[in-house]
């Protein structure tokens, strides 16, 4: 191949590259949506008694906006554990059990204590749903109070959930990994110890969750 031929070949390759990228992008954009799950898959998911997962949760609403990686586990009917990992251990550990909601911020030696109402869940986490409603949502059964709910399914469980919460917040949950009907120890749903921690209100708890600390 002469130098002039090689130069023309290189120029042709550069001219076709954007077209190839565009065709690939259009192919992805025009890919058909995944088929709906079978009734058996939906029923098995809805009937799961426990669940362990790693999620990415995005919120855009009255309490602000943000996106966090979350470790979440639950056991029916009313035990829910949420951890938000940080660079040097858990930033937040929140446990809802029965009607009690306890959250600790270990790095700040701070604790929030409330009830498992939608109001207190929203005050702490920005998600105006009760723990049972959170469980149902992750298993593909959105509460009637979640508007415009959309669920994208994997082989056995939802892989993505979107919806508008009762307070108007937009919620998106991407499920990175999840297992239903797992054995979870009772200790996972015990209220996290907070001896010697200072108690904080909802506003400061949200600031700590966002990684902001108040000046003394």
N, C-alpha and C. Protein backbone atom coordinates (compact mmCIF):
# COMPACT_ATOMS: atom_id res chain seq x y z
N UNK A 1 0.85 -1.19 0.00
CA UNK A 1 0.00 0.00 0.00
C UNK A 1 0.88 1.23 0.00
N UNK A 2 0.58 2.15 -0.96
CA UNK A 2 1.37 3.38 -1.02
C UNK A 2 0.96 4.32 0.08
N UNK A 3 1.80 5.35 0.30
CA UNK A 3 1.48 6.33 1.34
C UNK A 3 0.18 7.04 1.04
N UNK A 4 -0.05 7.36 -0.28
CA UNK A 4 -1.28 8.08 -0.63
C UNK A 4 -2.50 7.20 -0.41
N UNK A 5 -2.36 5.88 -0.72
CA UNK A 5 -3.48 4.95 -0.50
C UNK A 5 -3.80 4.84 0.97
N UNK A 6 -2.76 4.70 1.82
CA UNK A 6 -2.96 4.60 3.26
C UNK A 6 -3.64 5.84 3.81
N UNK A 7 -3.25 7.01 3.26
CA UNK A 7 -3.84 8.27 3.72
C UNK A 7 -5.32 8.31 3.39
N UNK A 8 -5.68 7.85 2.15
CA UNK A 8 -7.10 7.85 1.77
C UNK A 8 -7.88 6.87 2.63
N UNK A 9 -7.30 5.70 2.91
CA UNK A 9 -7.99 4.70 3.73
C UNK A 9 -8.26 5.25 5.12
N UNK A 10 -7.26 5.96 5.68
CA UNK A 10 -7.43 6.54 7.00
C UNK A 10 -8.52 7.58 6.99
N UNK A 11 -8.56 8.40 5.95
CA UNK A 11 -9.58 9.44 5.84
C UNK A 11 -10.96 8.83 5.72
N UNK A 12 -11.09 7.74 4.91
CA UNK A 12 -12.38 7.07 4.78
C UNK A 12 -12.84 6.51 6.11
N UNK A 13 -11.91 5.91 6.87
CA UNK A 13 -12.26 5.34 8.18
C UNK A 13 -12.78 6.43 9.10
N UNK A 14 -12.11 7.62 9.07
CA UNK A 14 -12.57 8.70 9.93
C UNK A 14 -13.94 9.20 9.50
N UNK A 15 -14.20 9.21 8.19
CA UNK A 15 -15.49 9.73 7.72
C UNK A 15 -16.62 8.78 8.04
N UNK A 16 -16.36 7.45 8.07
CA UNK A 16 -17.41 6.49 8.36
C UNK A 16 -17.62 6.30 9.86
N UNK A 17 -16.61 6.61 10.70
CA UNK A 17 -16.73 6.35 12.14
C UNK A 17 -17.95 6.99 12.76
N UNK A 18 -18.24 8.30 12.51
CA UNK A 18 -19.44 8.89 13.12
C UNK A 18 -20.71 8.19 12.70
N UNK A 19 -20.76 7.74 11.41
CA UNK A 19 -21.94 7.03 10.94
C UNK A 19 -22.13 5.72 11.67
N UNK A 20 -21.03 5.02 11.91
CA UNK A 20 -21.11 3.75 12.63
C UNK A 20 -21.62 3.99 14.05
N UNK A 21 -21.09 5.03 14.71
CA UNK A 21 -21.53 5.36 16.06
C UNK A 21 -23.00 5.70 16.07
N UNK A 22 -23.47 6.48 15.06
CA UNK A 22 -24.87 6.87 15.00
C UNK A 22 -25.76 5.66 14.81
N UNK A 23 -25.36 4.75 13.91
CA UNK A 23 -26.15 3.53 13.69
C UNK A 23 -26.25 2.72 14.97
N UNK A 24 -25.12 2.59 15.69
CA UNK A 24 -25.12 1.84 16.94
C UNK A 24 -26.04 2.49 17.97
N UNK A 25 -25.98 3.82 18.05
CA UNK A 25 -26.83 4.53 19.01
C UNK A 25 -28.30 4.35 18.67
N UNK A 26 -28.63 4.42 17.35
CA UNK A 26 -30.02 4.24 16.95
C UNK A 26 -30.49 2.82 17.25
N UNK A 27 -29.59 1.86 17.08
CA UNK A 27 -29.96 0.46 17.36
C UNK A 27 -30.30 0.29 18.83
N UNK A 28 -29.49 0.93 19.70
CA UNK A 28 -29.78 0.83 21.12
C UNK A 28 -31.09 1.54 21.45
N UNK A 29 -31.28 2.74 20.86
CA UNK A 29 -32.48 3.52 21.15
C UNK A 29 -33.72 2.79 20.68
N UNK A 30 -33.64 2.07 19.56
CA UNK A 30 -34.80 1.41 18.99
C UNK A 30 -34.97 -0.02 19.49
N UNK A 31 -34.11 -0.46 20.41
CA UNK A 31 -34.24 -1.82 20.94
C UNK A 31 -35.58 -1.96 21.63
N UNK A 32 -36.27 -3.07 21.42
CA UNK A 32 -37.59 -3.24 22.03
C UNK A 32 -37.48 -3.33 23.54
N UNK A 33 -38.50 -2.87 24.27
CA UNK A 33 -38.47 -2.99 25.73
C UNK A 33 -38.50 -4.47 26.12
N UNK A 34 -37.99 -4.77 27.32
CA UNK A 34 -38.02 -6.17 27.75
C UNK A 34 -39.46 -6.64 27.88
N UNK A 35 -39.71 -7.92 27.63
CA UNK A 35 -41.09 -8.42 27.73
C UNK A 35 -41.60 -8.33 29.16
N UNK A 36 -42.91 -8.18 29.33
CA UNK A 36 -43.45 -8.12 30.69
C UNK A 36 -43.24 -9.45 31.40
N UNK A 37 -43.14 -9.40 32.72
CA UNK A 37 -42.92 -10.65 33.46
C UNK A 37 -44.17 -11.52 33.41
N UNK A 38 -43.96 -12.78 33.59
CA UNK A 38 -45.11 -13.70 33.63
C UNK A 38 -45.86 -13.51 34.94
N UNK A 39 -47.13 -13.86 34.99
CA UNK A 39 -47.88 -13.77 36.26
C UNK A 39 -47.23 -14.55 37.38
N UNK A 40 -46.61 -15.68 37.06
CA UNK A 40 -45.95 -16.48 38.10
C UNK A 40 -44.78 -15.72 38.71
N UNK A 41 -43.98 -15.04 37.88
CA UNK A 41 -42.85 -14.25 38.39
C UNK A 41 -43.35 -13.14 39.29
N UNK A 42 -44.39 -12.43 38.85
CA UNK A 42 -44.95 -11.34 39.64
C UNK A 42 -45.47 -11.86 40.97
N UNK A 43 -46.16 -12.98 40.96
CA UNK A 43 -46.73 -13.53 42.19
C UNK A 43 -45.65 -13.98 43.15
N UNK A 44 -44.59 -14.62 42.61
CA UNK A 44 -43.50 -15.08 43.49
C UNK A 44 -42.79 -13.89 44.13
N UNK A 45 -42.55 -12.85 43.33
CA UNK A 45 -41.88 -11.67 43.88
C UNK A 45 -42.74 -11.03 44.97
N UNK A 46 -44.01 -10.84 44.69
CA UNK A 46 -44.90 -10.19 45.66
C UNK A 46 -45.00 -11.00 46.95
N UNK A 47 -44.80 -12.30 46.86
CA UNK A 47 -44.93 -13.15 48.04
C UNK A 47 -43.64 -13.33 48.83
N UNK A 48 -42.55 -12.68 48.41
CA UNK A 48 -41.28 -12.84 49.12
C UNK A 48 -41.43 -12.33 50.56
N UNK A 49 -40.90 -13.11 51.50
CA UNK A 49 -41.01 -12.74 52.91
C UNK A 49 -39.80 -11.96 53.39
N UNK A 50 -38.70 -12.02 52.66
CA UNK A 50 -37.51 -11.25 53.02
C UNK A 50 -36.78 -10.87 51.75
N UNK A 51 -35.80 -9.95 51.91
CA UNK A 51 -35.17 -9.36 50.72
C UNK A 51 -33.88 -8.70 51.17
N UNK A 52 -32.84 -8.88 50.37
CA UNK A 52 -31.55 -8.24 50.65
C UNK A 52 -31.02 -7.69 49.34
N UNK A 53 -30.54 -6.42 49.36
CA UNK A 53 -30.23 -5.79 48.09
C UNK A 53 -29.18 -4.70 48.22
N UNK A 54 -28.64 -4.34 47.06
CA UNK A 54 -27.82 -3.14 46.91
C UNK A 54 -28.50 -2.28 45.85
N UNK A 55 -28.78 -1.03 46.20
CA UNK A 55 -29.57 -0.16 45.34
C UNK A 55 -28.85 1.15 45.08
N UNK A 56 -29.27 1.81 43.99
CA UNK A 56 -28.97 3.23 43.80
C UNK A 56 -30.31 3.94 43.82
N UNK A 57 -30.44 4.89 44.74
CA UNK A 57 -31.72 5.57 44.95
C UNK A 57 -31.55 7.05 44.63
N UNK A 58 -32.41 7.55 43.76
CA UNK A 58 -32.41 8.96 43.42
C UNK A 58 -33.73 9.61 43.82
N UNK A 59 -33.65 10.79 44.43
CA UNK A 59 -34.84 11.53 44.86
C UNK A 59 -34.73 12.96 44.34
N UNK A 60 -35.84 13.46 43.83
CA UNK A 60 -35.91 14.87 43.42
C UNK A 60 -37.26 15.39 43.88
N UNK A 61 -37.25 16.15 45.00
CA UNK A 61 -38.53 16.57 45.54
C UNK A 61 -38.41 17.71 46.51
N UNK A 62 -39.48 17.93 47.29
CA UNK A 62 -39.52 19.07 48.21
C UNK A 62 -38.40 19.09 49.23
N UNK A 63 -37.90 17.90 49.62
CA UNK A 63 -36.84 17.85 50.61
C UNK A 63 -35.45 18.00 49.98
N UNK A 64 -35.41 18.18 48.67
CA UNK A 64 -34.13 18.31 47.98
C UNK A 64 -33.95 17.21 46.97
N UNK A 65 -32.75 17.11 46.45
CA UNK A 65 -32.47 16.09 45.45
C UNK A 65 -31.13 15.45 45.77
N UNK A 66 -30.97 14.21 45.38
CA UNK A 66 -29.72 13.51 45.63
C UNK A 66 -29.80 12.09 45.12
N UNK A 67 -28.66 11.43 45.12
CA UNK A 67 -28.57 10.04 44.66
C UNK A 67 -27.56 9.33 45.55
N UNK A 68 -27.97 8.21 46.11
CA UNK A 68 -27.15 7.49 47.06
C UNK A 68 -27.13 6.00 46.73
N UNK A 69 -26.02 5.38 47.06
CA UNK A 69 -25.98 3.92 47.06
C UNK A 69 -26.46 3.44 48.42
N UNK A 70 -27.34 2.46 48.43
CA UNK A 70 -28.01 2.02 49.66
C UNK A 70 -27.95 0.51 49.75
N UNK A 71 -27.67 0.01 50.95
CA UNK A 71 -27.82 -1.41 51.25
C UNK A 71 -29.12 -1.55 52.01
N UNK A 72 -30.04 -2.33 51.49
CA UNK A 72 -31.37 -2.43 52.10
C UNK A 72 -31.76 -3.88 52.26
N UNK A 73 -32.33 -4.18 53.42
CA UNK A 73 -32.86 -5.52 53.69
C UNK A 73 -34.17 -5.38 54.44
N UNK A 74 -35.07 -6.31 54.22
CA UNK A 74 -36.30 -6.30 55.01
C UNK A 74 -36.78 -7.71 55.28
N UNK A 75 -37.62 -7.80 56.28
CA UNK A 75 -38.30 -9.04 56.63
C UNK A 75 -39.74 -8.69 56.96
N UNK A 76 -40.64 -9.30 56.26
CA UNK A 76 -42.05 -9.05 56.49
C UNK A 76 -42.43 -9.45 57.92
N UNK A 77 -43.37 -8.77 58.56
CA UNK A 77 -44.20 -7.72 57.96
C UNK A 77 -43.70 -6.30 58.16
N UNK A 78 -42.76 -6.09 59.10
CA UNK A 78 -42.52 -4.69 59.47
C UNK A 78 -41.08 -4.38 59.86
N UNK A 79 -40.12 -5.18 59.38
CA UNK A 79 -38.72 -4.95 59.75
C UNK A 79 -37.93 -4.53 58.52
N UNK A 80 -37.31 -3.36 58.60
CA UNK A 80 -36.59 -2.79 57.47
C UNK A 80 -35.27 -2.21 57.95
N UNK A 81 -34.19 -2.50 57.23
CA UNK A 81 -32.87 -1.96 57.58
C UNK A 81 -32.29 -1.28 56.34
N UNK A 82 -31.77 -0.07 56.54
CA UNK A 82 -31.16 0.69 55.46
C UNK A 82 -29.79 1.17 55.92
N UNK A 83 -28.78 0.92 55.10
CA UNK A 83 -27.44 1.44 55.37
C UNK A 83 -26.98 2.26 54.17
N UNK A 84 -26.37 3.39 54.47
CA UNK A 84 -25.72 4.21 53.43
C UNK A 84 -24.22 4.16 53.71
N UNK A 85 -23.46 3.46 52.87
CA UNK A 85 -22.03 3.35 53.12
C UNK A 85 -21.30 4.67 52.88
N UNK A 86 -20.24 4.88 53.62
CA UNK A 86 -19.38 6.04 53.45
C UNK A 86 -17.95 5.62 53.24
N UNK A 87 -17.04 6.55 53.08
CA UNK A 87 -15.64 6.20 52.81
C UNK A 87 -14.95 5.50 53.97
N UNK A 88 -15.46 5.68 55.18
CA UNK A 88 -14.80 5.07 56.35
C UNK A 88 -15.83 4.37 57.23
N UNK A 89 -16.70 3.57 56.60
CA UNK A 89 -17.75 2.89 57.35
C UNK A 89 -19.11 3.47 56.99
N UNK A 90 -20.14 2.98 57.67
CA UNK A 90 -21.50 3.41 57.36
C UNK A 90 -21.71 4.88 57.72
N UNK A 91 -22.28 5.63 56.78
CA UNK A 91 -22.66 7.01 57.07
C UNK A 91 -23.97 7.04 57.83
N UNK A 92 -24.88 6.12 57.47
CA UNK A 92 -26.18 6.03 58.11
C UNK A 92 -26.56 4.57 58.30
N UNK A 93 -27.11 4.24 59.46
CA UNK A 93 -27.77 2.96 59.69
C UNK A 93 -29.14 3.28 60.25
N UNK A 94 -30.19 2.89 59.53
CA UNK A 94 -31.56 3.16 59.96
C UNK A 94 -32.31 1.84 60.03
N UNK A 95 -33.02 1.64 61.13
CA UNK A 95 -33.80 0.41 61.31
C UNK A 95 -35.22 0.80 61.69
N UNK A 96 -36.17 0.27 60.93
CA UNK A 96 -37.58 0.39 61.28
C UNK A 96 -38.05 -0.99 61.71
N UNK A 97 -38.60 -1.05 62.90
CA UNK A 97 -39.07 -2.33 63.43
C UNK A 97 -40.32 -2.06 64.25
N UNK A 98 -41.38 -2.76 63.93
CA UNK A 98 -42.64 -2.44 64.58
C UNK A 98 -43.05 -1.03 64.23
N UNK A 99 -43.26 -0.20 65.24
CA UNK A 99 -43.59 1.20 64.97
C UNK A 99 -42.47 2.16 65.33
N UNK A 100 -41.26 1.63 65.56
CA UNK A 100 -40.12 2.46 65.96
C UNK A 100 -39.13 2.61 64.81
N UNK A 101 -38.66 3.83 64.61
CA UNK A 101 -37.65 4.14 63.61
C UNK A 101 -36.45 4.74 64.32
N UNK A 102 -35.29 4.08 64.18
CA UNK A 102 -34.07 4.57 64.82
C UNK A 102 -32.98 4.66 63.77
N UNK A 103 -32.33 5.82 63.70
CA UNK A 103 -31.26 6.03 62.72
C UNK A 103 -30.05 6.60 63.43
N UNK A 104 -28.88 6.10 63.08
CA UNK A 104 -27.65 6.62 63.67
C UNK A 104 -26.69 7.03 62.56
N UNK A 105 -25.90 8.03 62.87
CA UNK A 105 -24.83 8.52 62.00
C UNK A 105 -23.53 8.30 62.76
N UNK A 106 -22.91 7.12 62.60
CA UNK A 106 -21.77 6.77 63.46
C UNK A 106 -20.63 7.77 63.42
N UNK A 107 -20.31 8.29 62.24
CA UNK A 107 -19.19 9.22 62.14
C UNK A 107 -19.42 10.53 62.86
N UNK A 108 -20.70 10.86 63.08
CA UNK A 108 -21.04 12.11 63.75
C UNK A 108 -21.56 11.88 65.17
N UNK A 109 -21.63 10.61 65.57
CA UNK A 109 -22.17 10.24 66.88
C UNK A 109 -23.48 10.97 67.14
N UNK A 110 -24.37 10.82 66.15
CA UNK A 110 -25.68 11.47 66.21
C UNK A 110 -26.75 10.42 65.92
N UNK A 111 -27.96 10.64 66.47
CA UNK A 111 -29.05 9.70 66.29
C UNK A 111 -30.36 10.45 66.09
N UNK A 112 -31.21 9.85 65.28
CA UNK A 112 -32.57 10.35 65.06
C UNK A 112 -33.52 9.25 65.49
N UNK A 113 -34.52 9.59 66.28
CA UNK A 113 -35.49 8.62 66.77
C UNK A 113 -36.89 9.10 66.39
N UNK A 114 -37.64 8.25 65.72
CA UNK A 114 -38.99 8.61 65.30
C UNK A 114 -39.89 7.40 65.24
N UNK A 115 -40.95 7.50 64.44
CA UNK A 115 -41.91 6.42 64.26
C UNK A 115 -41.88 5.99 62.80
N UNK A 116 -42.48 4.85 62.53
CA UNK A 116 -42.46 4.32 61.16
C UNK A 116 -43.64 4.83 60.34
N UNK A 117 -43.96 6.08 60.52
CA UNK A 117 -44.99 6.71 59.69
C UNK A 117 -44.36 7.21 58.40
N UNK A 118 -45.20 7.45 57.40
CA UNK A 118 -44.70 8.01 56.16
C UNK A 118 -44.07 9.39 56.40
N UNK A 119 -44.62 10.12 57.37
CA UNK A 119 -44.10 11.45 57.66
C UNK A 119 -42.68 11.38 58.22
N UNK A 120 -42.44 10.47 59.16
CA UNK A 120 -41.09 10.38 59.73
C UNK A 120 -40.11 9.76 58.74
N UNK A 121 -40.57 8.82 57.92
CA UNK A 121 -39.69 8.27 56.88
C UNK A 121 -39.29 9.36 55.89
N UNK A 122 -40.25 10.22 55.57
CA UNK A 122 -39.93 11.34 54.67
C UNK A 122 -38.99 12.33 55.35
N UNK A 123 -39.24 12.60 56.63
CA UNK A 123 -38.40 13.56 57.34
C UNK A 123 -36.95 13.11 57.37
N UNK A 124 -36.73 11.81 57.53
CA UNK A 124 -35.36 11.30 57.62
C UNK A 124 -34.76 11.03 56.24
N UNK A 125 -35.50 10.34 55.38
CA UNK A 125 -34.94 9.81 54.14
C UNK A 125 -35.43 10.51 52.88
N UNK A 126 -36.47 11.35 53.01
CA UNK A 126 -37.02 11.99 51.83
C UNK A 126 -37.97 11.11 51.05
N UNK A 127 -38.35 9.96 51.61
CA UNK A 127 -39.25 9.01 50.94
C UNK A 127 -40.51 8.90 51.77
N UNK A 128 -41.60 9.47 51.29
CA UNK A 128 -42.84 9.54 52.06
C UNK A 128 -43.65 8.25 51.93
N UNK A 129 -43.04 7.14 52.32
CA UNK A 129 -43.70 5.83 52.29
C UNK A 129 -43.44 5.11 53.61
N UNK A 130 -44.39 4.32 54.06
CA UNK A 130 -44.17 3.49 55.24
C UNK A 130 -43.27 2.31 54.87
N UNK A 131 -42.63 1.66 55.85
CA UNK A 131 -41.80 0.49 55.52
C UNK A 131 -42.54 -0.57 54.70
N UNK A 132 -43.79 -0.96 55.05
CA UNK A 132 -44.46 -1.95 54.18
C UNK A 132 -44.64 -1.46 52.75
N UNK A 133 -44.86 -0.15 52.56
CA UNK A 133 -44.99 0.37 51.20
C UNK A 133 -43.66 0.31 50.47
N UNK A 134 -42.56 0.54 51.17
CA UNK A 134 -41.23 0.40 50.57
C UNK A 134 -41.01 -1.05 50.12
N UNK A 135 -41.37 -1.99 50.99
CA UNK A 135 -41.21 -3.41 50.66
C UNK A 135 -42.00 -3.77 49.41
N UNK A 136 -43.27 -3.36 49.37
CA UNK A 136 -44.11 -3.67 48.21
C UNK A 136 -43.53 -3.06 46.93
N UNK A 137 -43.07 -1.82 47.03
CA UNK A 137 -42.54 -1.14 45.85
C UNK A 137 -41.36 -1.91 45.26
N UNK A 138 -40.46 -2.36 46.11
CA UNK A 138 -39.27 -3.08 45.63
C UNK A 138 -39.62 -4.45 45.06
N UNK A 139 -40.78 -4.96 45.42
CA UNK A 139 -41.21 -6.27 44.91
C UNK A 139 -42.20 -6.13 43.75
N UNK A 140 -42.34 -4.90 43.24
CA UNK A 140 -43.15 -4.72 42.05
C UNK A 140 -44.62 -4.48 42.31
N UNK A 141 -44.97 -4.12 43.56
CA UNK A 141 -46.37 -3.86 43.90
C UNK A 141 -46.46 -2.44 44.47
N UNK A 142 -46.41 -1.41 43.63
CA UNK A 142 -46.43 -0.04 44.14
C UNK A 142 -47.71 0.28 44.89
N UNK A 143 -47.58 1.07 45.93
CA UNK A 143 -48.74 1.56 46.68
C UNK A 143 -49.61 2.40 45.77
N UNK A 144 -50.93 2.39 45.99
CA UNK A 144 -51.79 3.29 45.22
C UNK A 144 -51.41 4.76 45.40
N UNK A 145 -50.67 5.06 46.47
CA UNK A 145 -50.25 6.44 46.70
C UNK A 145 -49.04 6.84 45.85
N UNK A 146 -48.43 5.87 45.17
CA UNK A 146 -47.32 6.17 44.25
C UNK A 146 -47.89 6.35 42.85
N UNK A 147 -47.80 7.56 42.35
CA UNK A 147 -48.37 7.87 41.04
C UNK A 147 -47.33 7.58 39.95
N UNK A 148 -47.85 7.29 38.76
CA UNK A 148 -47.01 7.10 37.57
C UNK A 148 -45.94 6.05 37.82
N UNK A 149 -46.30 5.01 38.55
CA UNK A 149 -45.32 3.97 38.87
C UNK A 149 -44.95 3.18 37.62
N UNK A 150 -43.64 2.97 37.44
CA UNK A 150 -43.15 2.15 36.33
C UNK A 150 -42.11 1.17 36.87
N UNK A 151 -42.26 -0.07 36.49
CA UNK A 151 -41.37 -1.12 36.97
C UNK A 151 -40.75 -1.83 35.78
N UNK A 152 -39.43 -1.92 35.77
CA UNK A 152 -38.73 -2.73 34.76
C UNK A 152 -38.21 -3.99 35.45
N UNK A 153 -38.59 -5.12 34.92
CA UNK A 153 -38.33 -6.39 35.59
C UNK A 153 -37.06 -7.06 35.07
N UNK A 154 -36.40 -7.78 35.98
CA UNK A 154 -35.37 -8.74 35.63
C UNK A 154 -36.00 -10.11 35.59
N UNK A 155 -35.19 -11.17 35.64
CA UNK A 155 -35.75 -12.53 35.55
C UNK A 155 -36.72 -12.88 36.68
N UNK A 156 -36.42 -12.39 37.91
CA UNK A 156 -37.27 -12.78 39.04
C UNK A 156 -37.72 -11.62 39.91
N UNK A 157 -37.10 -10.45 39.77
CA UNK A 157 -37.41 -9.30 40.61
C UNK A 157 -37.33 -8.01 39.77
N UNK A 158 -37.96 -6.94 40.25
CA UNK A 158 -37.77 -5.66 39.57
C UNK A 158 -36.31 -5.23 39.57
N UNK A 159 -35.87 -4.66 38.44
CA UNK A 159 -34.51 -4.13 38.32
C UNK A 159 -34.50 -2.61 38.36
N UNK A 160 -35.64 -2.00 38.12
CA UNK A 160 -35.74 -0.54 38.18
C UNK A 160 -37.17 -0.17 38.53
N UNK A 161 -37.30 0.79 39.43
CA UNK A 161 -38.63 1.27 39.83
C UNK A 161 -38.60 2.79 39.78
N UNK A 162 -39.63 3.37 39.19
CA UNK A 162 -39.77 4.82 39.15
C UNK A 162 -41.19 5.19 39.53
N UNK A 163 -41.34 6.36 40.11
CA UNK A 163 -42.68 6.81 40.45
C UNK A 163 -42.65 8.16 41.11
N UNK A 164 -43.84 8.73 41.29
CA UNK A 164 -44.01 10.00 41.97
C UNK A 164 -44.61 9.72 43.34
N UNK A 165 -43.92 10.15 44.38
CA UNK A 165 -44.35 9.88 45.75
C UNK A 165 -45.48 10.82 46.16
N UNK A 166 -46.15 10.51 47.28
CA UNK A 166 -47.30 11.33 47.68
C UNK A 166 -47.00 12.82 47.83
N UNK A 167 -45.76 13.17 48.18
CA UNK A 167 -45.42 14.59 48.34
C UNK A 167 -44.97 15.23 47.04
N UNK A 168 -45.04 14.49 45.93
CA UNK A 168 -44.63 15.02 44.64
C UNK A 168 -43.20 14.72 44.26
N UNK A 169 -42.42 14.13 45.16
CA UNK A 169 -41.03 13.80 44.86
C UNK A 169 -40.95 12.71 43.79
N UNK A 170 -39.97 12.85 42.91
CA UNK A 170 -39.72 11.83 41.89
C UNK A 170 -38.70 10.83 42.45
N UNK A 171 -39.05 9.58 42.41
CA UNK A 171 -38.20 8.52 42.94
C UNK A 171 -37.73 7.62 41.81
N UNK A 172 -36.42 7.29 41.85
CA UNK A 172 -35.89 6.28 40.94
C UNK A 172 -35.02 5.34 41.75
N UNK A 173 -35.29 4.05 41.61
CA UNK A 173 -34.50 3.03 42.28
C UNK A 173 -33.93 2.09 41.23
N UNK A 174 -32.60 2.00 41.17
CA UNK A 174 -31.93 1.03 40.31
C UNK A 174 -31.41 -0.09 41.20
N UNK A 175 -31.84 -1.29 40.92
CA UNK A 175 -31.47 -2.45 41.74
C UNK A 175 -30.21 -3.08 41.16
N UNK A 176 -29.09 -2.89 41.85
CA UNK A 176 -27.83 -3.46 41.37
C UNK A 176 -27.76 -4.95 41.64
N UNK A 177 -28.27 -5.38 42.78
CA UNK A 177 -28.34 -6.80 43.10
C UNK A 177 -29.42 -6.99 44.15
N UNK A 178 -30.09 -8.13 44.11
CA UNK A 178 -31.15 -8.39 45.08
C UNK A 178 -31.42 -9.88 45.15
N UNK A 179 -31.77 -10.34 46.35
CA UNK A 179 -32.12 -11.74 46.57
C UNK A 179 -33.38 -11.80 47.43
N UNK A 180 -34.39 -12.55 47.00
CA UNK A 180 -35.60 -12.69 47.82
C UNK A 180 -35.50 -13.92 48.72
N UNK A 181 -36.31 -13.92 49.77
CA UNK A 181 -36.45 -15.07 50.66
C UNK A 181 -35.10 -15.55 51.19
N UNK A 182 -34.31 -14.60 51.68
CA UNK A 182 -33.02 -14.94 52.28
C UNK A 182 -33.19 -15.01 53.80
N UNK A 183 -32.29 -15.74 54.44
CA UNK A 183 -32.30 -15.82 55.89
C UNK A 183 -31.53 -14.63 56.46
N UNK A 184 -32.21 -13.84 57.27
CA UNK A 184 -31.61 -12.63 57.85
C UNK A 184 -31.65 -12.75 59.37
N UNK A 185 -30.55 -12.41 60.04
CA UNK A 185 -30.50 -12.56 61.50
C UNK A 185 -31.37 -11.52 62.20
N UNK A 186 -31.88 -11.88 63.36
CA UNK A 186 -32.68 -10.94 64.14
C UNK A 186 -31.88 -9.67 64.46
N UNK A 187 -30.57 -9.84 64.66
CA UNK A 187 -29.73 -8.69 65.03
C UNK A 187 -29.75 -7.61 63.96
N UNK A 188 -30.00 -7.97 62.72
CA UNK A 188 -30.02 -6.98 61.64
C UNK A 188 -31.12 -5.96 61.85
N UNK A 189 -32.18 -6.35 62.58
CA UNK A 189 -33.33 -5.47 62.74
C UNK A 189 -33.49 -4.97 64.17
N UNK A 190 -32.43 -5.10 64.94
CA UNK A 190 -32.42 -4.47 66.26
C UNK A 190 -32.06 -3.00 66.11
N UNK A 191 -32.66 -2.17 66.95
CA UNK A 191 -32.36 -0.74 66.87
C UNK A 191 -30.87 -0.53 67.08
N UNK A 192 -30.20 0.21 66.21
CA UNK A 192 -28.77 0.44 66.38
C UNK A 192 -28.47 1.18 67.69
N UNK A 193 -27.44 0.75 68.37
CA UNK A 193 -27.08 1.37 69.64
C UNK A 193 -26.65 2.81 69.41
N UNK A 194 -27.07 3.67 70.32
CA UNK A 194 -26.69 5.07 70.20
C UNK A 194 -26.40 5.68 71.57
N UNK A 195 -25.88 4.84 72.49
CA UNK A 195 -25.49 5.36 73.80
C UNK A 195 -24.44 6.45 73.63
N UNK A 196 -24.66 7.59 74.26
CA UNK A 196 -23.71 8.68 74.20
C UNK A 196 -23.82 9.52 72.94
N UNK A 197 -24.71 9.15 72.03
CA UNK A 197 -24.91 9.94 70.82
C UNK A 197 -25.85 11.11 71.14
N UNK A 198 -25.65 12.22 70.46
CA UNK A 198 -26.58 13.33 70.62
C UNK A 198 -27.77 13.11 69.70
N UNK A 199 -28.97 13.45 70.19
CA UNK A 199 -30.18 13.32 69.39
C UNK A 199 -30.33 14.53 68.49
N UNK A 200 -30.71 14.27 67.24
CA UNK A 200 -30.88 15.36 66.28
C UNK A 200 -32.29 15.30 65.71
N UNK A 201 -32.76 16.45 65.23
CA UNK A 201 -34.05 16.52 64.58
C UNK A 201 -33.95 16.15 63.11
N UNK A 202 -35.10 16.17 62.43
CA UNK A 202 -35.14 15.74 61.04
C UNK A 202 -34.28 16.61 60.13
N UNK A 203 -34.29 17.92 60.35
CA UNK A 203 -33.53 18.81 59.48
C UNK A 203 -32.03 18.51 59.55
N UNK A 204 -31.51 18.37 60.77
CA UNK A 204 -30.08 18.08 60.88
C UNK A 204 -29.78 16.68 60.39
N UNK A 205 -30.69 15.74 60.62
CA UNK A 205 -30.47 14.37 60.13
C UNK A 205 -30.32 14.36 58.61
N UNK A 206 -31.15 15.14 57.92
CA UNK A 206 -31.03 15.19 56.46
C UNK A 206 -29.71 15.83 56.04
N UNK A 207 -29.26 16.81 56.79
CA UNK A 207 -27.97 17.43 56.46
C UNK A 207 -26.84 16.42 56.64
N UNK A 208 -26.90 15.63 57.70
CA UNK A 208 -25.87 14.62 57.92
C UNK A 208 -25.92 13.56 56.83
N UNK A 209 -27.12 13.18 56.42
CA UNK A 209 -27.26 12.19 55.35
C UNK A 209 -26.67 12.71 54.05
N UNK A 210 -26.82 14.01 53.83
CA UNK A 210 -26.27 14.63 52.61
C UNK A 210 -24.77 14.88 52.72
N UNK A 211 -24.18 14.59 53.90
CA UNK A 211 -22.76 14.78 54.06
C UNK A 211 -22.38 16.17 54.50
N UNK A 212 -23.38 16.93 54.98
CA UNK A 212 -23.10 18.28 55.45
C UNK A 212 -23.14 18.31 56.98
N UNK A 213 -22.20 18.99 57.58
CA UNK A 213 -22.16 19.11 59.03
C UNK A 213 -22.38 20.55 59.45
N UNK A 214 -23.16 20.71 60.48
CA UNK A 214 -23.39 22.06 60.98
C UNK A 214 -22.16 22.56 61.73
N UNK A 215 -21.93 23.84 61.58
CA UNK A 215 -20.84 24.45 62.35
C UNK A 215 -21.28 24.60 63.80
N UNK A 216 -20.38 24.35 64.74
CA UNK A 216 -20.75 24.49 66.15
C UNK A 216 -21.12 25.93 66.48
